[in-house]
Amino acid sequence: MKQGIFEIKENVEIAKNTMKMVLEGDTSALTAPGQFVNIKIDGLFLRRPISVCDYKPNELTIIYKVVGAGTEVMADMVCGQELDILTGLGNGYNVSKAGECPLLIGGGVGVPPMYGLAKALLAANPQHKVQVILGFNSEEEVFYAEEFEKLGAEVHIATADGSVGTKGFVTDVMKDLEYSYFFTCGPLPMFKAIEAIAQTSGQYSFEERMGCGFGACMGCSCKTKYGNKRICKDGPVLEREEIIW
C-alpha cells in the first residue's frame, strides 16, 4: 500500500451515470489486475474504494458509477484537481490459473477490473482466447465493449431489458460458452447465479462496503472455509473453492 497525491487529467461521462477518471501519479504499488484504490474526498469521513480499470507507470484509470455522496462529488471534479489516494490495496487476480480459454464476467461497475485483467492475460500469453461477458441493465449503461474488442477479446453483452446483446443476465450467455477458467467481479446475486452453473474453477472479486480499506477495522470480514477473511486485505479476490455461500 502506498499513499500519494494524484492529479486529475480526465473526468468524463462514458455511459449513463458512469464516469471515467484518468489520474497522474505514482502507480508503483499496483502489481496485479483486480486491486483497488481508496480516495479521500474533502468533507466526507470515509475514503471511497474504487476498482482499478487500468494502470501504467504514472497513470491510473478508474471507472465509477455516480450513486451516492462520494461519487457525486467526484463527478464534479475537474482536470488539474489533486486527490489523496491510497494505491495497491487488496490482492488481485492470479492469472497463472487461466488456462488457454479464460472467461471474464463483469456486471455493471464490476466491468472495469475485467479490462485490466484482459490486458494482463493477453500480455502473458497472446495465444489466449479471452472471452468477456459484460452485463448491464440497458444499452445506455454499456461501456468499454469496444475497448475490450481492441485488445483482441471476444465480447458478449447481456442486458436485462434486451436493448442490446442477449436479453437477460450474464449467466444466459455463460451457459453456452466453453472456457478453461473464469474470473468475475460484480454484485453478490450475480455471483450466486454464476456459482450455480459454472463448469470450472474460478475467482470472484467481491464488492463490499469498507471502513479503512487496508484491514485494520475488520468491517468487511466474510466467512470462508479457512476462517474469516477481510475483503479489503485478504480479498477482494477469493477462489471459488474457499467461499462459503
Protein backbone atom coordinates (compact mmCIF):
# COMPACT_ATOMS: atom_id res chain seq x y z
CA MET A 1 0.00 0.00 0.00
CA LYS A 2 1.21 3.49 -0.80
CA GLN A 3 -0.29 6.92 -0.18
CA GLY A 4 0.20 9.59 -2.82
CA ILE A 5 -1.14 12.70 -4.50
CA PHE A 6 -2.64 12.23 -7.95
CA GLU A 7 -3.65 14.92 -10.44
CA ILE A 8 -6.82 14.53 -12.48
CA LYS A 9 -6.09 14.50 -16.22
CA GLU A 10 -9.57 13.48 -17.42
CA ASN A 11 -13.00 13.04 -15.84
CA VAL A 12 -15.75 12.36 -18.38
CA GLU A 13 -19.09 10.57 -18.58
CA ILE A 14 -18.85 7.45 -20.76
CA ALA A 15 -22.33 5.97 -20.15
CA LYS A 16 -25.42 6.75 -18.13
CA ASN A 17 -24.26 7.85 -14.64
CA THR A 18 -20.85 6.30 -15.34
CA MET A 19 -17.63 8.31 -15.27
CA LYS A 20 -14.08 7.62 -16.41
CA MET A 21 -11.29 9.34 -14.49
CA VAL A 22 -7.63 9.32 -15.55
CA LEU A 23 -5.10 10.37 -12.92
CA GLU A 24 -1.39 11.08 -12.96
CA GLY A 25 0.75 9.91 -10.04
CA ASP A 26 2.86 7.12 -8.57
CA THR A 27 1.35 3.75 -9.51
CA SER A 28 4.29 1.62 -8.37
CA ALA A 29 2.25 -0.03 -5.59
CA LEU A 30 -0.14 -1.57 -8.14
CA THR A 31 1.08 -5.04 -9.02
CA ALA A 32 -1.90 -7.05 -10.31
CA PRO A 33 -5.27 -6.60 -12.04
CA GLY A 34 -8.13 -6.61 -9.56
CA GLN A 35 -6.56 -4.36 -6.95
CA PHE A 36 -8.30 -1.16 -5.85
CA VAL A 37 -7.58 2.35 -4.62
CA ASN A 38 -9.09 4.34 -1.76
CA ILE A 39 -9.79 8.01 -2.45
CA LYS A 40 -10.00 10.77 0.16
CA ILE A 41 -12.82 13.23 -0.52
CA ASP A 42 -12.95 16.54 1.33
CA GLY A 43 -15.92 16.80 3.65
CA LEU A 44 -16.51 13.04 3.89
CA PHE A 45 -15.14 10.90 6.72
CA LEU A 46 -14.50 7.63 4.89
CA ARG A 47 -12.40 7.20 1.78
CA ARG A 48 -14.12 5.76 -1.30
CA PRO A 49 -12.82 2.39 -2.59
CA ILE A 50 -12.75 2.17 -6.39
CA SER A 51 -11.57 -0.74 -8.54
CA VAL A 52 -8.66 -0.06 -10.87
CA CYS A 53 -9.60 -0.31 -14.53
CA ASP A 54 -6.11 0.15 -15.96
CA TYR A 55 -2.71 1.43 -14.93
CA LYS A 56 0.74 2.07 -16.33
CA PRO A 57 3.75 3.96 -14.95
CA ASN A 58 2.48 7.24 -13.51
CA GLU A 59 -1.07 6.86 -14.86
CA LEU A 60 -4.17 5.35 -13.31
CA THR A 61 -7.64 4.87 -14.84
CA ILE A 62 -10.76 4.27 -12.77
CA ILE A 63 -14.39 3.97 -13.83
CA TYR A 64 -17.11 4.68 -11.29
CA LYS A 65 -20.88 4.90 -11.18
CA VAL A 66 -22.45 8.00 -9.65
CA VAL A 67 -24.61 6.51 -6.90
CA GLY A 68 -24.01 8.44 -3.69
CA ALA A 69 -22.49 11.47 -1.99
CA GLY A 70 -18.88 10.49 -2.62
CA THR A 71 -19.20 9.70 -6.30
CA GLU A 72 -21.41 12.77 -6.83
CA VAL A 73 -18.53 14.92 -5.56
CA MET A 74 -16.08 13.01 -7.77
CA ALA A 75 -18.24 13.54 -10.86
CA ASP A 76 -17.91 17.31 -10.45
CA MET A 77 -14.11 17.25 -10.15
CA VAL A 78 -12.10 18.98 -12.86
CA CYS A 79 -8.75 18.50 -14.60
CA GLY A 80 -5.84 19.74 -12.55
CA GLN A 81 -7.51 18.94 -9.22
CA GLU A 82 -5.42 16.82 -6.85
CA LEU A 83 -6.57 13.80 -4.86
CA ASP A 84 -5.06 11.97 -1.88
CA ILE A 85 -5.17 8.29 -2.85
CA LEU A 86 -4.11 5.01 -1.24
CA THR A 87 -2.96 2.63 -4.00
CA GLY A 88 -2.04 -1.04 -4.22
CA LEU A 89 -4.86 -2.20 -1.94
CA GLY A 90 -6.11 -5.78 -1.87
CA ASN A 91 -4.90 -8.84 -3.69
CA GLY A 92 -5.50 -9.09 -7.42
CA TYR A 93 -6.38 -11.93 -9.77
CA ASN A 94 -3.99 -14.86 -10.17
CA VAL A 95 -3.63 -15.04 -13.96
CA SER A 96 -1.48 -18.19 -13.86
CA LYS A 97 -4.61 -20.35 -13.45
CA ALA A 98 -6.39 -19.03 -16.55
CA GLY A 99 -5.69 -21.87 -18.99
CA GLU A 100 -5.99 -21.36 -22.74
CA CYS A 101 -9.56 -20.05 -22.87
CA PRO A 102 -10.40 -17.91 -19.83
CA LEU A 103 -13.82 -16.33 -19.36
CA LEU A 104 -14.13 -12.87 -17.78
CA ILE A 105 -17.51 -11.82 -16.41
CA GLY A 106 -18.24 -8.26 -15.33
CA GLY A 107 -21.54 -6.91 -14.06
CA GLY A 108 -22.06 -3.12 -14.07
CA VAL A 109 -19.30 -1.49 -12.02
CA GLY A 110 -17.64 -4.93 -11.96
CA VAL A 111 -16.66 -4.41 -15.61
CA PRO A 112 -13.64 -2.08 -15.12
CA PRO A 113 -11.25 -4.55 -13.43
CA MET A 114 -12.01 -7.04 -16.19
CA TYR A 115 -10.31 -4.69 -18.65
CA GLY A 116 -7.01 -4.65 -16.78
CA LEU A 117 -7.29 -8.41 -16.35
CA ALA A 118 -7.85 -8.96 -20.08
CA LYS A 119 -4.76 -6.86 -20.83
CA ALA A 120 -2.70 -8.87 -18.36
CA LEU A 121 -3.87 -12.23 -19.72
CA LEU A 122 -3.12 -11.28 -23.32
CA ALA A 123 0.25 -9.82 -22.35
CA ALA A 124 1.17 -13.04 -20.53
CA ASN A 125 0.09 -15.18 -23.48
CA PRO A 126 -1.06 -13.60 -26.77
CA GLN A 127 -2.44 -17.00 -27.76
CA HIS A 128 -5.04 -16.89 -25.01
CA LYS A 129 -8.60 -16.91 -26.29
CA VAL A 130 -10.04 -14.36 -23.88
CA GLN A 131 -13.84 -14.28 -23.72
CA VAL A 132 -15.64 -11.45 -21.92
CA ILE A 133 -19.26 -11.16 -20.82
CA LEU A 134 -20.40 -7.65 -19.91
CA GLY A 135 -23.70 -7.38 -18.05
CA PHE A 136 -25.81 -4.21 -17.86
CA ASN A 137 -29.42 -3.20 -17.32
CA SER A 138 -29.79 -1.48 -20.68
CA GLU A 139 -27.90 -0.25 -23.75
CA GLU A 140 -27.46 3.26 -22.35
CA GLU A 141 -25.40 1.83 -19.50
CA VAL A 142 -22.98 -0.14 -21.70
CA PHE A 143 -19.36 0.96 -21.69
CA TYR A 144 -15.92 -0.34 -22.76
CA ALA A 145 -17.19 -3.01 -25.16
CA GLU A 146 -15.09 -1.55 -27.99
CA GLU A 147 -12.05 -1.24 -25.74
CA PHE A 148 -12.20 -4.96 -24.94
CA GLU A 149 -12.54 -5.78 -28.64
CA LYS A 150 -9.49 -3.65 -29.46
CA LEU A 151 -7.47 -5.78 -27.04
CA GLY A 152 -8.46 -8.85 -29.04
CA ALA A 153 -11.05 -10.26 -26.65
CA GLU A 154 -14.27 -11.94 -27.78
CA VAL A 155 -17.01 -9.75 -26.30
CA HIS A 156 -20.56 -10.76 -25.35
CA ILE A 157 -23.08 -8.29 -23.94
CA ALA A 158 -26.13 -9.12 -21.83
CA THR A 159 -28.79 -6.55 -20.95
CA ALA A 160 -31.71 -7.12 -18.61
CA ASP A 161 -34.11 -5.33 -20.96
CA GLY A 162 -32.72 -6.84 -24.16
CA SER A 163 -31.91 -3.45 -25.72
CA VAL A 164 -28.55 -4.76 -26.92
CA GLY A 165 -26.89 -8.18 -26.97
CA THR A 166 -28.51 -11.11 -25.22
CA LYS A 167 -31.67 -10.38 -23.29
CA GLY A 168 -31.21 -11.49 -19.71
CA PHE A 169 -28.23 -11.90 -17.44
CA VAL A 170 -24.56 -12.84 -17.80
CA THR A 171 -25.44 -16.44 -16.99
CA ASP A 172 -27.71 -16.60 -20.05
CA VAL A 173 -24.56 -16.10 -22.13
CA MET A 174 -22.23 -18.10 -19.91
CA LYS A 175 -24.24 -21.33 -20.16
CA ASP A 176 -23.50 -21.61 -23.87
CA LEU A 177 -19.75 -20.94 -23.73
CA GLU A 178 -16.78 -23.24 -23.28
CA TYR A 179 -13.95 -21.98 -21.09
CA SER A 180 -10.93 -23.19 -19.14
CA TYR A 181 -11.38 -20.97 -16.08
CA PHE A 182 -13.45 -17.94 -15.06
CA PHE A 183 -12.81 -14.59 -13.40
CA THR A 184 -15.61 -12.31 -12.28
CA CYS A 185 -16.48 -9.08 -10.49
CA GLY A 186 -19.96 -7.78 -9.73
CA PRO A 187 -22.86 -7.94 -7.27
CA LEU A 188 -23.49 -10.90 -4.98
CA PRO A 189 -26.72 -12.09 -6.72
CA MET A 190 -24.74 -12.38 -9.96
CA PHE A 191 -22.08 -14.41 -8.18
CA LYS A 192 -24.65 -16.86 -6.80
CA ALA A 193 -26.14 -17.31 -10.27
CA ILE A 194 -22.67 -17.94 -11.73
CA GLU A 195 -21.86 -20.41 -8.94
CA ALA A 196 -24.96 -22.43 -9.83
CA ILE A 197 -23.83 -23.10 -13.43
CA ALA A 198 -20.04 -22.67 -13.51
CA GLN A 199 -18.24 -25.67 -15.01
CA THR A 200 -14.69 -24.85 -13.87
CA SER A 201 -12.80 -23.32 -11.00
CA GLY A 202 -12.62 -19.54 -10.87
CA GLN A 203 -12.01 -16.36 -8.91
CA TYR A 204 -14.59 -13.93 -7.53
CA SER A 205 -13.81 -10.28 -6.74
CA PHE A 206 -16.24 -9.10 -4.06
CA GLU A 207 -17.78 -5.65 -3.74
CA GLU A 208 -18.14 -4.74 -0.06
CA ARG A 209 -18.61 -1.60 2.00
CA MET A 210 -15.25 -0.79 3.61
CA GLY A 211 -14.14 1.36 6.50
CA CYS A 212 -10.37 1.65 6.37
CA GLY A 213 -9.64 -0.28 3.15
CA PHE A 214 -6.48 -1.96 4.44
CA GLY A 215 -7.56 -4.49 7.07
CA ALA A 216 -7.44 -2.54 10.32
CA CYS A 217 -11.14 -2.14 11.13
CA MET A 218 -12.36 -5.67 10.27
CA GLY A 219 -15.57 -4.13 8.90
CA CYS A 220 -15.64 -6.13 5.68
CA SER A 221 -14.91 -9.62 7.01
CA CYS A 222 -16.52 -12.67 5.44
CA LYS A 223 -16.55 -16.36 6.25
CA THR A 224 -14.51 -18.80 4.18
CA LYS A 225 -13.56 -22.45 4.57
CA TYR A 226 -10.27 -21.22 6.03
CA GLY A 227 -11.75 -18.83 8.57
CA ASN A 228 -12.75 -15.18 8.38
CA LYS A 229 -11.11 -13.10 5.68
CA ARG A 230 -11.12 -9.35 5.19
CA ILE A 231 -12.33 -8.41 1.71
CA CYS A 232 -10.12 -5.31 1.62
CA LYS A 233 -6.93 -7.08 2.74
CA ASP A 234 -7.27 -10.82 2.04
CA GLY A 235 -9.53 -10.12 -0.95
CA PRO A 236 -11.24 -8.67 -2.83
CA VAL A 237 -10.39 -11.71 -4.95
CA LEU A 238 -11.25 -15.11 -3.47
CA GLU A 239 -11.08 -18.52 -5.15
CA ARG A 240 -14.27 -20.44 -5.80
CA GLU A 241 -13.27 -23.39 -3.63
CA GLU A 242 -12.81 -21.34 -0.44
CA ILE A 243 -16.07 -19.39 -0.48
CA ILE A 244 -18.93 -20.22 1.87
CA TRP A 245 -22.14 -19.04 0.22
